[in-house]
């Protein structure tokens, strides 16, 4: 990141920004807050609906190496193929590419710079962030909270 881009992002970020919520909008799958709370654990709710981040190296899916698909915990939409998973060393399940049409993105300005947040396109649940330090062929790293996912072996 260039210094002028960093400074611009700091100036554009409110110092007392309100905590962001899961992606807003009209989604194919929608639930009330009470319904989300009833179906998710406290940790899942904080990550998927309040855009928190799980502790690094806490998800068993970080070490999942079988062939299969990683689906959204909120609506069971297939999000990532195990073929695109790689060990980023960050402590979160990482993928270099989502399945076509599975995730949507938005700017996340909660820190002193802008990141790319990704969420499930069907229910809006927060998944994680996308960074440009991943492997070929995309050069991207989808850094995903394991609590946002379920795994289906092939």
N, C-alpha and C. Protein backbone atom coordinates (compact mmCIF):
# COMPACT_ATOMS: atom_id res chain seq x y z
N UNK A 1 0.85 -1.17 0.00
CA UNK A 1 0.00 0.00 0.00
C UNK A 1 0.89 1.23 0.00
N UNK A 2 0.60 2.17 -0.88
CA UNK A 2 1.38 3.40 -0.93
C UNK A 2 1.00 4.31 0.23
N UNK A 3 1.96 5.14 0.66
CA UNK A 3 1.73 5.99 1.81
C UNK A 3 0.52 6.90 1.59
N UNK A 4 0.37 7.48 0.42
CA UNK A 4 -0.76 8.38 0.19
C UNK A 4 -2.09 7.63 0.25
N UNK A 5 -2.11 6.35 -0.19
CA UNK A 5 -3.34 5.55 -0.09
C UNK A 5 -3.65 5.25 1.38
N UNK A 6 -2.62 4.97 2.16
CA UNK A 6 -2.81 4.70 3.58
C UNK A 6 -3.36 5.94 4.28
N UNK A 7 -2.75 7.08 4.03
CA UNK A 7 -3.20 8.33 4.66
C UNK A 7 -4.64 8.64 4.26
N UNK A 8 -4.96 8.46 2.99
CA UNK A 8 -6.32 8.72 2.52
C UNK A 8 -7.32 7.80 3.20
N UNK A 9 -6.94 6.53 3.39
CA UNK A 9 -7.88 5.61 4.04
C UNK A 9 -8.05 5.95 5.52
N UNK A 10 -6.99 6.41 6.17
CA UNK A 10 -7.09 6.82 7.57
C UNK A 10 -8.02 8.02 7.69
N UNK A 11 -7.86 8.98 6.82
CA UNK A 11 -8.70 10.18 6.87
C UNK A 11 -10.15 9.86 6.55
N UNK A 12 -10.38 8.84 5.73
CA UNK A 12 -11.75 8.49 5.36
C UNK A 12 -12.42 7.59 6.38
N UNK A 13 -11.68 7.08 7.35
CA UNK A 13 -12.23 6.16 8.34
C UNK A 13 -12.66 6.91 9.59
N UNK A 14 -13.94 6.85 9.95
CA UNK A 14 -14.38 7.51 11.17
C UNK A 14 -13.70 6.86 12.38
N UNK A 15 -13.24 7.67 13.32
CA UNK A 15 -12.55 7.13 14.49
C UNK A 15 -13.47 6.36 15.41
N UNK A 16 -14.72 6.72 15.45
CA UNK A 16 -15.65 6.03 16.32
C UNK A 16 -16.73 5.34 15.50
N UNK A 17 -16.30 4.61 14.47
CA UNK A 17 -17.25 3.93 13.59
C UNK A 17 -18.04 2.89 14.37
N UNK A 18 -19.30 2.81 14.08
CA UNK A 18 -20.18 1.82 14.68
C UNK A 18 -19.77 0.44 14.20
N UNK A 19 -19.96 -0.58 14.99
CA UNK A 19 -19.65 -1.95 14.58
C UNK A 19 -20.52 -2.29 13.37
N UNK A 20 -19.89 -2.84 12.36
CA UNK A 20 -20.61 -3.21 11.15
C UNK A 20 -21.42 -4.48 11.38
N UNK A 21 -22.44 -4.66 10.59
CA UNK A 21 -23.26 -5.86 10.65
C UNK A 21 -23.05 -6.65 9.38
N UNK A 22 -23.56 -7.87 9.37
CA UNK A 22 -23.49 -8.68 8.16
C UNK A 22 -24.04 -7.87 7.00
N UNK A 23 -23.64 -8.24 5.81
CA UNK A 23 -24.01 -7.48 4.62
C UNK A 23 -25.50 -7.16 4.59
N UNK A 24 -25.79 -5.90 4.36
CA UNK A 24 -27.18 -5.48 4.26
C UNK A 24 -27.71 -5.72 2.86
N UNK A 25 -28.99 -5.75 2.72
CA UNK A 25 -29.58 -5.92 1.40
C UNK A 25 -30.62 -7.02 1.42
N UNK A 26 -31.17 -7.27 0.25
CA UNK A 26 -32.16 -8.32 0.10
C UNK A 26 -31.45 -9.59 -0.33
N UNK A 27 -31.62 -10.63 0.47
CA UNK A 27 -30.98 -11.90 0.19
C UNK A 27 -32.03 -12.98 0.03
N UNK A 28 -31.69 -13.97 -0.76
CA UNK A 28 -32.55 -15.11 -1.01
C UNK A 28 -32.97 -15.77 0.31
N UNK A 29 -32.02 -15.91 1.22
CA UNK A 29 -32.29 -16.47 2.55
C UNK A 29 -32.20 -15.33 3.55
N UNK A 30 -33.29 -15.07 4.26
CA UNK A 30 -33.26 -14.02 5.28
C UNK A 30 -33.92 -14.57 6.54
N UNK A 31 -33.39 -14.12 7.67
CA UNK A 31 -33.90 -14.55 8.96
C UNK A 31 -33.94 -13.34 9.89
N UNK A 32 -34.77 -13.41 10.90
CA UNK A 32 -34.76 -12.36 11.91
C UNK A 32 -33.52 -12.55 12.78
N UNK A 33 -33.19 -11.53 13.54
CA UNK A 33 -32.06 -11.63 14.44
C UNK A 33 -32.28 -12.78 15.43
N UNK A 34 -33.49 -12.93 15.92
CA UNK A 34 -33.80 -14.02 16.86
C UNK A 34 -33.60 -15.39 16.21
N UNK A 35 -33.97 -15.51 14.95
CA UNK A 35 -33.78 -16.79 14.25
C UNK A 35 -32.28 -17.09 14.07
N UNK A 36 -31.49 -16.07 13.73
CA UNK A 36 -30.03 -16.28 13.59
C UNK A 36 -29.45 -16.70 14.94
N UNK A 37 -29.84 -16.01 16.00
CA UNK A 37 -29.31 -16.34 17.34
C UNK A 37 -29.68 -17.76 17.75
N UNK A 38 -30.87 -18.20 17.38
CA UNK A 38 -31.31 -19.55 17.75
C UNK A 38 -30.55 -20.64 17.00
N UNK A 39 -30.14 -20.37 15.78
CA UNK A 39 -29.49 -21.42 14.98
C UNK A 39 -27.96 -21.40 15.08
N UNK A 40 -27.37 -20.32 15.58
CA UNK A 40 -25.92 -20.19 15.63
C UNK A 40 -25.41 -20.16 17.07
N UNK A 41 -24.20 -20.65 17.26
CA UNK A 41 -23.56 -20.50 18.57
C UNK A 41 -23.19 -19.03 18.75
N UNK A 42 -22.80 -18.65 19.95
CA UNK A 42 -22.40 -17.26 20.19
C UNK A 42 -21.25 -16.85 19.28
N UNK A 43 -20.25 -17.71 19.14
CA UNK A 43 -19.09 -17.41 18.29
C UNK A 43 -19.51 -17.29 16.83
N UNK A 44 -20.34 -18.20 16.36
CA UNK A 44 -20.82 -18.15 14.97
C UNK A 44 -21.61 -16.87 14.73
N UNK A 45 -22.48 -16.51 15.68
CA UNK A 45 -23.29 -15.30 15.54
C UNK A 45 -22.39 -14.06 15.47
N UNK A 46 -21.40 -13.97 16.37
CA UNK A 46 -20.50 -12.80 16.37
C UNK A 46 -19.78 -12.67 15.03
N UNK A 47 -19.31 -13.76 14.47
CA UNK A 47 -18.58 -13.71 13.20
C UNK A 47 -19.52 -13.48 12.03
N UNK A 48 -20.54 -14.30 11.91
CA UNK A 48 -21.39 -14.28 10.72
C UNK A 48 -22.35 -13.10 10.66
N UNK A 49 -22.81 -12.61 11.80
CA UNK A 49 -23.80 -11.54 11.79
C UNK A 49 -23.25 -10.20 12.26
N UNK A 50 -22.14 -10.20 13.02
CA UNK A 50 -21.57 -8.96 13.53
C UNK A 50 -20.17 -8.69 12.97
N UNK A 51 -19.72 -9.52 12.05
CA UNK A 51 -18.44 -9.36 11.36
C UNK A 51 -17.22 -9.38 12.28
N UNK A 52 -17.28 -10.21 13.32
CA UNK A 52 -16.11 -10.41 14.18
C UNK A 52 -15.17 -11.38 13.48
N UNK A 53 -14.05 -11.68 14.11
CA UNK A 53 -13.08 -12.63 13.57
C UNK A 53 -12.79 -13.67 14.64
N UNK A 54 -12.80 -14.94 14.22
CA UNK A 54 -12.48 -15.99 15.17
C UNK A 54 -10.98 -15.98 15.45
N UNK A 55 -10.58 -16.58 16.56
CA UNK A 55 -9.18 -16.67 16.94
C UNK A 55 -8.42 -17.52 15.93
N UNK A 56 -7.25 -17.09 15.53
CA UNK A 56 -6.41 -17.85 14.59
C UNK A 56 -6.13 -19.24 15.13
N UNK A 57 -6.07 -20.21 14.24
CA UNK A 57 -5.76 -21.61 14.54
C UNK A 57 -6.81 -22.28 15.43
N UNK A 58 -8.01 -21.69 15.54
CA UNK A 58 -9.05 -22.29 16.39
C UNK A 58 -10.01 -23.18 15.61
N UNK A 59 -10.02 -23.11 14.30
CA UNK A 59 -10.97 -23.88 13.51
C UNK A 59 -10.36 -25.20 13.01
N UNK A 60 -11.06 -26.30 13.24
CA UNK A 60 -10.59 -27.57 12.68
C UNK A 60 -10.57 -27.57 11.15
N UNK A 61 -11.36 -26.68 10.54
CA UNK A 61 -11.38 -26.62 9.07
C UNK A 61 -10.09 -26.06 8.50
N UNK A 62 -9.30 -25.40 9.33
CA UNK A 62 -8.00 -24.91 8.86
C UNK A 62 -7.12 -26.08 8.43
N UNK A 63 -7.26 -27.23 9.09
CA UNK A 63 -6.45 -28.42 8.80
C UNK A 63 -7.16 -29.43 7.91
N UNK A 64 -8.37 -29.12 7.44
CA UNK A 64 -9.13 -30.05 6.60
C UNK A 64 -8.45 -30.21 5.25
N UNK A 65 -8.14 -31.46 4.89
CA UNK A 65 -7.41 -31.71 3.63
C UNK A 65 -8.13 -32.66 2.69
N UNK A 66 -9.32 -33.15 3.07
CA UNK A 66 -10.05 -34.06 2.20
C UNK A 66 -10.67 -33.32 1.01
N UNK A 67 -10.97 -34.07 -0.03
CA UNK A 67 -11.67 -33.52 -1.19
C UNK A 67 -13.11 -33.24 -0.79
N UNK A 68 -13.64 -32.12 -1.21
CA UNK A 68 -15.02 -31.78 -0.90
C UNK A 68 -15.30 -30.31 -1.12
N UNK A 69 -16.36 -29.85 -0.47
CA UNK A 69 -16.83 -28.48 -0.64
C UNK A 69 -17.05 -27.84 0.73
N UNK A 70 -16.68 -26.58 0.83
CA UNK A 70 -16.90 -25.79 2.03
C UNK A 70 -18.15 -24.94 1.77
N UNK A 71 -19.16 -25.12 2.61
CA UNK A 71 -20.45 -24.46 2.42
C UNK A 71 -20.69 -23.40 3.49
N UNK A 72 -21.61 -22.49 3.21
CA UNK A 72 -22.00 -21.45 4.17
C UNK A 72 -22.75 -22.10 5.33
N UNK A 73 -22.35 -21.79 6.54
CA UNK A 73 -23.01 -22.30 7.74
C UNK A 73 -24.42 -21.73 7.87
N UNK A 74 -24.66 -20.56 7.30
CA UNK A 74 -25.95 -19.90 7.43
C UNK A 74 -27.02 -20.41 6.49
N UNK A 75 -26.63 -20.90 5.29
CA UNK A 75 -27.65 -21.29 4.31
C UNK A 75 -27.25 -22.51 3.47
N UNK A 76 -26.10 -23.08 3.74
CA UNK A 76 -25.61 -24.29 3.07
C UNK A 76 -25.24 -24.08 1.59
N UNK A 77 -25.05 -22.85 1.16
CA UNK A 77 -24.61 -22.59 -0.21
C UNK A 77 -23.16 -23.04 -0.37
N UNK A 78 -22.83 -23.84 -1.39
CA UNK A 78 -21.43 -24.19 -1.64
C UNK A 78 -20.64 -22.92 -1.99
N UNK A 79 -19.54 -22.70 -1.24
CA UNK A 79 -18.74 -21.49 -1.41
C UNK A 79 -17.37 -21.73 -2.01
N UNK A 80 -16.67 -22.75 -1.51
CA UNK A 80 -15.29 -23.01 -1.92
C UNK A 80 -15.06 -24.49 -2.16
N UNK A 81 -14.32 -24.80 -3.20
CA UNK A 81 -13.90 -26.17 -3.47
C UNK A 81 -12.60 -26.43 -2.72
N UNK A 82 -12.45 -27.65 -2.23
CA UNK A 82 -11.20 -28.02 -1.57
C UNK A 82 -10.02 -27.93 -2.54
N UNK A 83 -10.29 -27.96 -3.83
CA UNK A 83 -9.21 -27.84 -4.83
C UNK A 83 -8.53 -26.48 -4.78
N UNK A 84 -9.22 -25.46 -4.24
CA UNK A 84 -8.64 -24.11 -4.19
C UNK A 84 -8.13 -23.74 -2.80
N UNK A 85 -8.17 -24.69 -1.87
CA UNK A 85 -7.71 -24.44 -0.50
C UNK A 85 -6.18 -24.58 -0.45
N UNK A 86 -5.56 -23.74 0.34
CA UNK A 86 -4.10 -23.83 0.53
C UNK A 86 -3.75 -23.40 1.95
N UNK A 87 -2.56 -23.80 2.39
CA UNK A 87 -2.11 -23.45 3.74
C UNK A 87 -1.39 -22.11 3.66
N UNK A 88 -2.05 -21.07 4.14
CA UNK A 88 -1.48 -19.73 4.09
C UNK A 88 -0.58 -19.45 5.29
N UNK A 89 -0.66 -20.31 6.32
CA UNK A 89 0.12 -20.09 7.52
C UNK A 89 -0.48 -19.02 8.44
N UNK A 90 -1.66 -18.51 8.10
CA UNK A 90 -2.27 -17.44 8.88
C UNK A 90 -3.11 -17.94 10.04
N UNK A 91 -3.53 -19.22 9.98
CA UNK A 91 -4.37 -19.76 11.03
C UNK A 91 -5.85 -19.78 10.70
N UNK A 92 -6.21 -19.39 9.49
CA UNK A 92 -7.59 -19.45 9.03
C UNK A 92 -7.65 -20.24 7.72
N UNK A 93 -8.76 -20.93 7.46
CA UNK A 93 -8.89 -21.60 6.17
C UNK A 93 -8.73 -20.57 5.05
N UNK A 94 -7.88 -20.90 4.08
CA UNK A 94 -7.59 -19.95 2.99
C UNK A 94 -7.81 -20.63 1.64
N UNK A 95 -8.33 -19.85 0.72
CA UNK A 95 -8.65 -20.33 -0.62
C UNK A 95 -8.20 -19.27 -1.62
N UNK A 96 -7.81 -19.69 -2.82
CA UNK A 96 -7.42 -18.68 -3.81
C UNK A 96 -8.57 -18.30 -4.74
N UNK A 97 -9.72 -18.98 -4.59
CA UNK A 97 -10.84 -18.64 -5.45
C UNK A 97 -12.13 -19.23 -4.88
N UNK A 98 -13.21 -18.46 -4.94
CA UNK A 98 -14.54 -18.94 -4.54
C UNK A 98 -15.20 -19.62 -5.73
N UNK A 99 -16.21 -20.42 -5.44
CA UNK A 99 -17.01 -20.99 -6.52
C UNK A 99 -17.74 -19.86 -7.24
N UNK A 100 -18.01 -20.01 -8.54
CA UNK A 100 -18.66 -18.93 -9.30
C UNK A 100 -19.99 -18.49 -8.67
N UNK A 101 -20.13 -17.18 -8.48
CA UNK A 101 -21.36 -16.60 -7.96
C UNK A 101 -21.66 -16.89 -6.50
N UNK A 102 -20.68 -17.40 -5.74
CA UNK A 102 -20.94 -17.79 -4.36
C UNK A 102 -20.77 -16.66 -3.35
N UNK A 103 -19.78 -15.79 -3.55
CA UNK A 103 -19.53 -14.73 -2.59
C UNK A 103 -19.66 -13.36 -3.25
N UNK A 104 -19.98 -12.39 -2.41
CA UNK A 104 -19.99 -11.00 -2.83
C UNK A 104 -19.04 -10.25 -1.91
N UNK A 105 -18.65 -9.06 -2.30
CA UNK A 105 -17.68 -8.29 -1.52
C UNK A 105 -18.19 -6.88 -1.25
N UNK A 106 -17.57 -6.28 -0.25
CA UNK A 106 -17.82 -4.87 0.04
C UNK A 106 -16.58 -4.32 0.72
N UNK A 107 -16.43 -3.00 0.70
CA UNK A 107 -15.30 -2.35 1.36
C UNK A 107 -15.48 -2.41 2.87
N UNK A 108 -14.42 -2.74 3.56
CA UNK A 108 -14.41 -2.78 5.03
C UNK A 108 -13.42 -1.72 5.49
N UNK A 109 -13.92 -0.67 6.12
CA UNK A 109 -13.08 0.44 6.56
C UNK A 109 -12.98 0.52 8.09
N UNK A 110 -13.14 -0.63 8.77
CA UNK A 110 -13.10 -0.62 10.24
C UNK A 110 -11.69 -0.38 10.78
N UNK A 111 -10.67 -0.70 10.03
CA UNK A 111 -9.30 -0.45 10.47
C UNK A 111 -8.81 0.85 9.83
N UNK A 112 -7.54 1.12 9.94
CA UNK A 112 -6.99 2.35 9.38
C UNK A 112 -6.68 2.24 7.90
N UNK A 113 -7.15 1.18 7.27
CA UNK A 113 -7.02 1.03 5.83
C UNK A 113 -8.23 0.24 5.34
N UNK A 114 -8.46 0.25 4.06
CA UNK A 114 -9.62 -0.43 3.50
C UNK A 114 -9.25 -1.87 3.13
N UNK A 115 -10.09 -2.80 3.59
CA UNK A 115 -9.94 -4.20 3.21
C UNK A 115 -11.16 -4.61 2.39
N UNK A 116 -11.07 -5.77 1.74
CA UNK A 116 -12.19 -6.31 1.00
C UNK A 116 -12.83 -7.41 1.82
N UNK A 117 -14.03 -7.14 2.30
CA UNK A 117 -14.78 -8.12 3.08
C UNK A 117 -15.57 -8.98 2.13
N UNK A 118 -15.70 -10.28 2.44
CA UNK A 118 -16.54 -11.13 1.60
C UNK A 118 -17.64 -11.76 2.44
N UNK A 119 -18.78 -11.95 1.80
CA UNK A 119 -19.93 -12.52 2.47
C UNK A 119 -20.66 -13.45 1.51
N UNK A 120 -21.48 -14.31 2.07
CA UNK A 120 -22.28 -15.24 1.28
C UNK A 120 -23.29 -14.45 0.45
N UNK A 121 -23.36 -14.72 -0.82
CA UNK A 121 -24.27 -13.97 -1.68
C UNK A 121 -25.73 -14.35 -1.43
N UNK A 122 -25.98 -15.53 -0.82
CA UNK A 122 -27.36 -15.97 -0.62
C UNK A 122 -27.97 -15.51 0.71
N UNK A 123 -27.16 -15.44 1.79
CA UNK A 123 -27.74 -15.04 3.09
C UNK A 123 -27.04 -13.83 3.71
N UNK A 124 -25.95 -13.34 3.10
CA UNK A 124 -25.27 -12.16 3.59
C UNK A 124 -24.34 -12.39 4.76
N UNK A 125 -24.16 -13.63 5.19
CA UNK A 125 -23.29 -13.91 6.33
C UNK A 125 -21.84 -13.55 6.04
N UNK A 126 -21.21 -12.91 7.01
CA UNK A 126 -19.79 -12.54 6.92
C UNK A 126 -18.95 -13.80 6.89
N UNK A 127 -18.01 -13.85 5.93
CA UNK A 127 -17.11 -14.99 5.80
C UNK A 127 -15.70 -14.64 6.24
N UNK A 128 -15.19 -13.51 5.78
CA UNK A 128 -13.82 -13.11 6.07
C UNK A 128 -13.40 -11.98 5.16
N UNK A 129 -12.13 -12.01 4.74
CA UNK A 129 -11.59 -10.95 3.88
C UNK A 129 -10.77 -11.54 2.75
N UNK A 130 -10.61 -10.75 1.69
CA UNK A 130 -9.83 -11.17 0.53
C UNK A 130 -8.62 -10.25 0.42
N UNK A 131 -7.45 -10.87 0.32
CA UNK A 131 -6.19 -10.13 0.22
C UNK A 131 -5.49 -10.50 -1.09
N UNK A 132 -4.60 -9.64 -1.54
CA UNK A 132 -3.91 -9.87 -2.82
C UNK A 132 -2.52 -10.48 -2.63
N UNK A 133 -2.38 -11.37 -1.65
CA UNK A 133 -1.09 -12.02 -1.42
C UNK A 133 -1.19 -13.54 -1.51
N UNK A 134 -2.11 -14.02 -2.33
CA UNK A 134 -2.31 -15.46 -2.47
C UNK A 134 -1.51 -16.06 -3.61
N UNK A 135 -1.65 -17.35 -3.80
CA UNK A 135 -0.89 -18.05 -4.83
C UNK A 135 -1.51 -17.92 -6.23
N UNK A 136 -0.79 -18.37 -7.23
CA UNK A 136 -1.32 -18.46 -8.59
C UNK A 136 -2.45 -19.50 -8.55
N UNK A 137 -3.41 -19.45 -9.38
CA UNK A 137 -3.47 -18.59 -10.55
C UNK A 137 -4.12 -17.23 -10.32
N UNK A 138 -4.76 -16.99 -9.15
CA UNK A 138 -5.47 -15.72 -8.97
C UNK A 138 -4.65 -14.67 -8.23
N UNK A 139 -3.69 -15.10 -7.41
CA UNK A 139 -2.94 -14.16 -6.58
C UNK A 139 -3.74 -13.66 -5.40
N UNK A 140 -4.90 -14.27 -5.14
CA UNK A 140 -5.77 -13.83 -4.05
C UNK A 140 -5.74 -14.83 -2.90
N UNK A 141 -6.02 -14.33 -1.71
CA UNK A 141 -6.16 -15.17 -0.52
C UNK A 141 -7.48 -14.82 0.15
N UNK A 142 -8.44 -15.72 0.02
CA UNK A 142 -9.70 -15.58 0.73
C UNK A 142 -9.45 -16.14 2.12
N UNK A 143 -9.34 -15.28 3.09
CA UNK A 143 -9.03 -15.65 4.48
C UNK A 143 -10.37 -15.76 5.21
N UNK A 144 -10.82 -17.00 5.45
CA UNK A 144 -12.20 -17.26 5.86
C UNK A 144 -12.27 -17.78 7.29
N UNK A 145 -13.22 -17.26 8.04
CA UNK A 145 -13.48 -17.75 9.39
C UNK A 145 -14.09 -19.16 9.30
N UNK A 146 -13.48 -20.11 9.95
CA UNK A 146 -13.98 -21.48 9.91
C UNK A 146 -15.38 -21.64 10.47
N UNK A 147 -15.76 -20.81 11.45
CA UNK A 147 -17.10 -20.91 12.03
C UNK A 147 -18.19 -20.51 11.03
N UNK A 148 -17.82 -19.88 9.93
CA UNK A 148 -18.78 -19.50 8.91
C UNK A 148 -19.04 -20.63 7.92
N UNK A 149 -18.28 -21.72 8.07
CA UNK A 149 -18.31 -22.79 7.08
C UNK A 149 -18.73 -24.14 7.66
N UNK A 150 -19.24 -24.99 6.79
CA UNK A 150 -19.37 -26.41 7.06
C UNK A 150 -18.62 -27.12 5.94
N UNK A 151 -18.23 -28.36 6.17
CA UNK A 151 -17.49 -29.10 5.14
C UNK A 151 -18.29 -30.33 4.73
N UNK A 152 -18.37 -30.54 3.43
CA UNK A 152 -19.01 -31.74 2.86
C UNK A 152 -17.95 -32.50 2.08
N UNK A 153 -17.60 -33.67 2.57
CA UNK A 153 -16.62 -34.51 1.86
C UNK A 153 -17.21 -34.98 0.54
N UNK A 154 -16.34 -35.12 -0.46
CA UNK A 154 -16.78 -35.55 -1.79
C UNK A 154 -17.15 -37.03 -1.79
